[in-house]
Structures are given as C-alpha cells and as structure tokens.
Amino acid sequence: MEAKSAAYNRFIESEQGILKIVRALDLYAMHVISKLRGRNPPEDAVEAIMSGDKVSILNISDVTLSNDEKDAIKKDGYFREVGEQIIVAAHSAFEHYLVEKFKEYLRFHMKFCATPPREAAVISIAQSMRSLEGIKNAYKETLGIHLPSFDVKFAFNPNSNFSFDSAWEAIVALDKKRHSVVHLGKESPFEIESLMDSWYPFDFTRVWVTHFNHFFDHQIYEGGWFKTEEAEQYFEKSKKNGVCLVHPFIF
C-alpha cells in the first residue's frame, strides 16, 4: 500500500515546505501593512502564523487593504520575487507528483510482468514526460486518463490575477508562469501583484492533487465501484474527447 501512496506522500512533504515560504511572506506583509498604518504588527496574528497552523486573510482577499496599501504591495519587489518562487516550487511539486503517480499506475498495470521489462517500459515512457504536453500525452496514450477533462471545484477569487474558468486553464497558466520565471523573456500569463497571486496557484495545486489522487486511486486500485457525480462528469468529458480509462488486468 505504501508504494501506491508514495507520490502523494512526497507531494505532501513538498507542500509543507512551500507553506513555510508562504508564511514567511505573510509575516513580511503584516509588517509592511502595519508600518503603513503606523501600528505594531498584531501579536495574535503573528503568533498564529509562526505556529505553523494558519495564514493571514491577505492570502485569500485584499478587502481589508486600502488602495494605497494595495499599490504599496504591488510596488514592493519582494512580494513579486518571493511570490514567483512559491509558484515555481508549487509547479515543481505538482509536475513531480504527476510523473511519479504515472509511474505508480503503470507499474500497477504491469504488475504481472517481470521486473526488467516493466521497469524498462516505465523509464522509457517517463522520459517523454518533460513538459506538460508530454505528461498529458503519456497519461492519455498509456493509461487512458485525460487530464484536461478532470475538473475540481475550486473557489478562485476574481480579484486575484490567478482566476480561471476551469482547472486545466489554471494548470496551463501555472505551467506558463513557471516558464516565464525560469526563462526570462517568456510571456507571463499573469502577474504577482498581491499575496493572493501566489497563494491561489499553490492552494489550487493542493486541491487538484488531493482530488485527483483519491479519484484515480479508486478507479485504478478499487475498480471504481463507488459512483459519484464527479465521476460521471469526468467520464462524460473524457469520452467526448475520445479517451477511455484503461482498466488494470486482474485475474
């Protein structure tokens, strides 16, 4: 069972590490806002963030900020630079999860094969998964999993620059943003102008990975016996795109 959870467990470990960066930016924001207001940072909020249990409302909404405070955050390069690193880290954890989860599922499909040919197949296909397009194609062609058809309910804040109509649009934007940060000169799909603009990409990956992991673990490992509205919607979209889930061979 541990092998079936390895990719997800590693993602959770990465998530906890990224949260530390989020909280560091959070504390910086509290000090910047408090300075603008001529006050000391609220001790209870600072203590809650430092305890590792909470993040401030600034990550979720900017309704508590004045226009001058919003402008100050936009002009402060620290928010953009650290926010971009949060996005790069979130993208890395997300992409690594997808590749490692693919390997888990493929090994399960090929569990009755001898180890050498099984591992050769896993390694060979994984080498093509060096981009979002490569990952999408590997899932589709090998496992019959259509990533663009898998949607999740996620509450985007329309005031954030990271707000999209579908999960796949958000994934594509996250991928493009990562490339624009790592490779200067690449077009950026959105800018980091507030804490929300780095929080929502990170939080979105957490929600998407958790739902994907539970959904397809049930389909692959348990035969998908429990039917839900979410499952019906996914399979309907996937079928329209000409993709059918490949069921593992079981004696």
Protein backbone atom coordinates (compact mmCIF):
# COMPACT_ATOMS: atom_id res chain seq x y z
CA MET A 1 0.00 0.00 0.00
CA GLU A 2 2.90 2.35 0.70
CA ALA A 3 4.04 2.13 -2.92
CA LYS A 4 0.59 3.25 -4.02
CA SER A 5 0.82 6.34 -1.79
CA ALA A 6 4.45 7.29 -2.38
CA ALA A 7 3.86 10.04 -4.97
CA TYR A 8 1.13 11.65 -2.90
CA ASN A 9 3.16 11.45 0.30
CA ARG A 10 6.08 13.18 -1.40
CA PHE A 11 3.74 15.89 -2.64
CA ILE A 12 2.51 16.49 0.90
CA GLU A 13 6.11 16.80 2.11
CA SER A 14 6.77 19.41 -0.59
CA GLU A 15 3.54 21.20 0.29
CA GLN A 16 4.65 21.60 3.90
CA GLY A 17 7.94 23.07 2.76
CA ILE A 18 6.23 25.57 0.46
CA LEU A 19 3.92 26.61 3.28
CA LYS A 20 6.95 27.81 5.21
CA ILE A 21 7.78 30.20 2.36
CA VAL A 22 4.14 31.33 2.25
CA ARG A 23 4.19 32.09 5.97
CA ALA A 24 7.46 33.99 5.70
CA LEU A 25 5.93 36.21 3.01
CA ASP A 26 2.82 36.53 5.16
CA LEU A 27 4.84 37.86 8.12
CA TYR A 28 6.65 40.32 5.86
CA ALA A 29 3.30 41.57 4.54
CA MET A 30 1.97 42.11 8.05
CA HIS A 31 4.99 44.23 8.95
CA VAL A 32 4.72 46.27 5.73
CA ILE A 33 1.00 46.95 6.22
CA SER A 34 1.45 47.72 9.92
CA LYS A 35 4.22 50.21 9.11
CA LEU A 36 1.99 51.95 6.56
CA ARG A 37 -0.73 52.20 9.21
CA GLY A 38 1.67 53.40 11.88
CA ARG A 39 0.95 50.44 14.14
CA ASN A 40 2.74 47.42 15.54
CA PRO A 41 2.01 44.07 13.84
CA PRO A 42 -0.89 42.28 15.60
CA GLU A 43 0.73 39.85 18.02
CA ASP A 44 -2.05 37.27 17.90
CA ALA A 45 -1.91 37.07 14.09
CA VAL A 46 1.88 36.88 14.03
CA GLU A 47 1.83 34.12 16.67
CA ALA A 48 -0.81 32.16 14.71
CA ILE A 49 1.27 32.30 11.52
CA MET A 50 4.50 31.40 13.30
CA SER A 51 2.81 28.43 14.97
CA GLY A 52 2.55 26.86 11.51
CA ASP A 53 -1.24 26.44 11.68
CA LYS A 54 -2.58 29.46 9.82
CA VAL A 55 -2.07 32.03 7.08
CA SER A 56 -3.47 35.54 7.13
CA ILE A 57 -6.55 36.76 5.30
CA LEU A 58 -4.23 38.69 2.95
CA ASN A 59 -3.65 35.44 1.04
CA ILE A 60 -7.37 34.97 0.45
CA SER A 61 -8.64 38.51 -0.09
CA ASP A 62 -7.49 42.11 -0.26
CA VAL A 63 -10.74 43.64 1.05
CA THR A 64 -9.04 44.80 4.26
CA LEU A 65 -6.50 46.88 2.31
CA SER A 66 -6.84 50.45 1.14
CA ASN A 67 -5.94 51.36 -2.43
CA ASP A 68 -2.70 52.95 -1.18
CA GLU A 69 -1.79 49.72 0.64
CA LYS A 70 -2.54 47.63 -2.45
CA ASP A 71 -0.32 49.91 -4.52
CA ALA A 72 2.48 49.65 -1.95
CA ILE A 73 2.41 45.85 -2.19
CA LYS A 74 2.41 45.98 -6.00
CA LYS A 75 5.47 48.24 -5.99
CA ASP A 76 7.38 46.16 -3.43
CA GLY A 77 9.58 43.80 -5.46
CA TYR A 78 9.90 41.40 -2.52
CA PHE A 79 6.27 40.26 -2.92
CA ARG A 80 6.77 39.57 -6.61
CA GLU A 81 10.13 37.82 -6.23
CA VAL A 82 9.11 35.57 -3.32
CA GLY A 83 5.68 35.01 -4.85
CA GLU A 84 7.30 33.79 -8.05
CA GLN A 85 9.43 31.33 -6.09
CA ILE A 86 6.29 30.00 -4.41
CA ILE A 87 4.82 29.41 -7.87
CA VAL A 88 7.99 27.73 -9.16
CA ALA A 89 8.05 25.45 -6.11
CA ALA A 90 4.33 24.66 -6.42
CA HIS A 91 4.72 23.84 -10.11
CA SER A 92 7.73 21.62 -9.41
CA ALA A 93 5.85 19.68 -6.72
CA PHE A 94 2.79 19.39 -8.97
CA GLU A 95 4.71 18.17 -12.01
CA HIS A 96 6.80 15.75 -9.96
CA TYR A 97 3.61 14.31 -8.48
CA LEU A 98 2.10 13.73 -11.93
CA VAL A 99 5.21 11.94 -13.21
CA GLU A 100 5.63 9.78 -10.12
CA LYS A 101 1.91 8.97 -9.96
CA PHE A 102 2.02 7.93 -13.60
CA LYS A 103 4.84 5.51 -12.75
CA GLU A 104 2.81 4.08 -9.86
CA TYR A 105 -0.22 3.45 -12.05
CA LEU A 106 1.82 1.96 -14.90
CA ARG A 107 3.65 -0.39 -12.54
CA PHE A 108 0.29 -1.50 -11.17
CA HIS A 109 -0.99 -2.17 -14.69
CA MET A 110 2.14 -4.22 -15.40
CA LYS A 111 2.37 -5.97 -12.03
CA PHE A 112 2.25 -9.42 -13.65
CA CYS A 113 5.20 -8.61 -15.91
CA ALA A 114 8.77 -9.48 -14.99
CA THR A 115 10.64 -6.60 -13.37
CA PRO A 116 13.15 -5.84 -16.20
CA PRO A 117 10.59 -5.26 -19.00
CA ARG A 118 8.23 -3.47 -16.63
CA GLU A 119 10.89 -1.02 -15.42
CA ALA A 120 12.19 -0.53 -18.95
CA ALA A 121 8.69 0.48 -20.08
CA VAL A 122 8.23 2.82 -17.11
CA ILE A 123 11.59 4.54 -17.68
CA SER A 124 11.09 4.78 -21.44
CA ILE A 125 7.70 6.48 -21.23
CA ALA A 126 8.72 8.69 -18.29
CA GLN A 127 11.50 10.17 -20.43
CA SER A 128 8.83 11.75 -22.63
CA MET A 129 7.22 13.48 -19.64
CA ARG A 130 9.47 16.54 -19.58
CA SER A 131 6.75 19.06 -20.33
CA LEU A 132 3.07 19.49 -19.55
CA GLU A 133 2.24 18.35 -23.07
CA GLY A 134 4.41 15.23 -22.63
CA ILE A 135 2.75 14.45 -19.31
CA LYS A 136 -0.73 14.93 -20.75
CA ASN A 137 0.05 12.65 -23.71
CA ALA A 138 1.59 9.92 -21.55
CA TYR A 139 -1.49 9.78 -19.31
CA LYS A 140 -3.81 9.76 -22.32
CA GLU A 141 -2.00 7.27 -24.56
CA THR A 142 -0.86 4.83 -21.86
CA LEU A 143 -3.43 4.99 -19.06
CA GLY A 144 -6.47 6.41 -20.81
CA ILE A 145 -6.59 9.31 -18.35
CA HIS A 146 -7.50 12.64 -19.93
CA LEU A 147 -6.07 15.33 -17.66
CA PRO A 148 -7.93 18.28 -19.27
CA SER A 149 -11.24 16.53 -18.54
CA PHE A 150 -10.53 16.25 -14.83
CA ASP A 151 -12.01 19.30 -13.16
CA VAL A 152 -12.25 20.22 -9.48
CA LYS A 153 -14.40 22.68 -7.60
CA PHE A 154 -12.07 25.46 -6.56
CA ALA A 155 -13.05 28.90 -5.29
CA PHE A 156 -10.90 31.31 -7.27
CA ASN A 157 -11.01 34.91 -6.09
CA PRO A 158 -11.85 37.05 -9.15
CA ASN A 159 -9.76 39.86 -7.63
CA SER A 160 -6.68 37.65 -7.93
CA ASN A 161 -4.72 37.55 -11.17
CA PHE A 162 -4.85 33.74 -10.88
CA SER A 163 -8.54 33.12 -11.59
CA PHE A 164 -9.76 30.75 -14.31
CA ASP A 165 -12.91 29.06 -15.57
CA SER A 166 -11.54 25.52 -15.47
CA ALA A 167 -8.87 23.50 -13.72
CA TRP A 168 -7.00 22.81 -16.95
CA GLU A 169 -6.83 26.51 -17.80
CA ALA A 170 -5.32 27.08 -14.35
CA ILE A 171 -2.80 24.25 -14.87
CA VAL A 172 -1.72 25.63 -18.25
CA ALA A 173 -1.35 29.13 -16.75
CA LEU A 174 0.71 27.75 -13.85
CA ASP A 175 2.97 25.96 -16.31
CA LYS A 176 3.44 29.07 -18.46
CA LYS A 177 4.09 31.22 -15.40
CA ARG A 178 6.80 28.87 -14.22
CA HIS A 179 8.49 29.08 -17.63
CA SER A 180 8.27 32.87 -17.63
CA VAL A 181 10.03 32.99 -14.23
CA VAL A 182 12.74 30.44 -15.01
CA HIS A 183 13.29 31.54 -18.63
CA LEU A 184 13.44 35.33 -18.86
CA GLY A 185 11.65 36.71 -21.87
CA LYS A 186 8.87 34.13 -21.91
CA GLU A 187 5.35 35.57 -21.92
CA SER A 188 3.71 35.59 -18.49
CA PRO A 189 0.03 34.61 -18.26
CA PHE A 190 -0.46 36.61 -15.02
CA GLU A 191 1.50 38.89 -12.71
CA ILE A 192 2.25 38.73 -9.00
CA GLU A 193 0.74 41.89 -7.52
CA SER A 194 -0.54 40.61 -4.18
CA LEU A 195 -0.26 37.67 -1.82
CA MET A 196 -3.36 36.21 -3.50
CA ASP A 197 -1.49 35.88 -6.78
CA SER A 198 0.96 33.38 -5.30
CA TRP A 199 -1.37 31.79 -2.74
CA TYR A 200 -4.09 30.70 -5.16
CA PRO A 201 -1.76 28.84 -7.57
CA PHE A 202 -0.27 26.98 -4.59
CA ASP A 203 -3.62 26.23 -2.96
CA PHE A 204 -5.10 25.16 -6.30
CA THR A 205 -2.36 22.54 -6.79
CA ARG A 206 -3.09 21.14 -3.30
CA VAL A 207 -6.80 20.80 -4.02
CA TRP A 208 -6.32 19.38 -7.53
CA VAL A 209 -3.71 16.78 -6.49
CA THR A 210 -5.77 15.61 -3.50
CA HIS A 211 -8.90 15.13 -5.61
CA PHE A 212 -7.01 13.53 -8.49
CA ASN A 213 -5.20 11.13 -6.18
CA HIS A 214 -8.36 9.97 -4.43
CA PHE A 215 -10.40 9.76 -7.63
CA PHE A 216 -7.99 7.75 -9.76
CA ASP A 217 -6.72 5.58 -6.91
CA HIS A 218 -10.34 4.48 -6.56
CA GLN A 219 -10.65 3.88 -10.31
CA ILE A 220 -7.32 2.05 -10.73
CA TYR A 221 -6.88 0.20 -7.45
CA GLU A 222 -10.50 -0.41 -6.43
CA GLY A 223 -12.26 -0.74 -9.80
CA GLY A 224 -14.27 2.47 -9.42
CA TRP A 225 -17.16 0.66 -7.76
CA PHE A 226 -18.34 3.80 -5.94
CA LYS A 227 -20.05 6.08 -8.46
CA THR A 228 -20.30 9.83 -7.90
CA GLU A 229 -21.49 12.85 -9.84
CA GLU A 230 -17.84 13.88 -10.15
CA ALA A 231 -17.02 10.52 -11.75
CA GLU A 232 -19.91 10.76 -14.21
CA GLN A 233 -18.86 14.26 -15.25
CA TYR A 234 -15.25 13.23 -15.77
CA PHE A 235 -16.06 10.14 -17.84
CA GLU A 236 -18.58 12.05 -19.94
CA LYS A 237 -15.98 14.74 -20.77
CA SER A 238 -13.26 12.17 -21.34
CA LYS A 239 -15.45 10.12 -23.67
CA LYS A 240 -16.28 13.21 -25.73
CA ASN A 241 -12.54 13.70 -26.16
CA GLY A 242 -12.14 10.11 -27.35
CA VAL A 243 -10.32 8.90 -24.24
CA CYS A 244 -11.27 5.73 -22.34
CA LEU A 245 -9.76 4.70 -19.00
CA VAL A 246 -7.60 1.58 -19.31
CA HIS A 247 -8.59 -0.83 -16.56
CA PRO A 248 -5.86 -2.93 -14.94
CA PHE A 249 -5.80 -6.65 -15.72
CA ILE A 250 -6.96 -8.68 -12.71
CA PHE A 251 -7.22 -12.49 -12.53
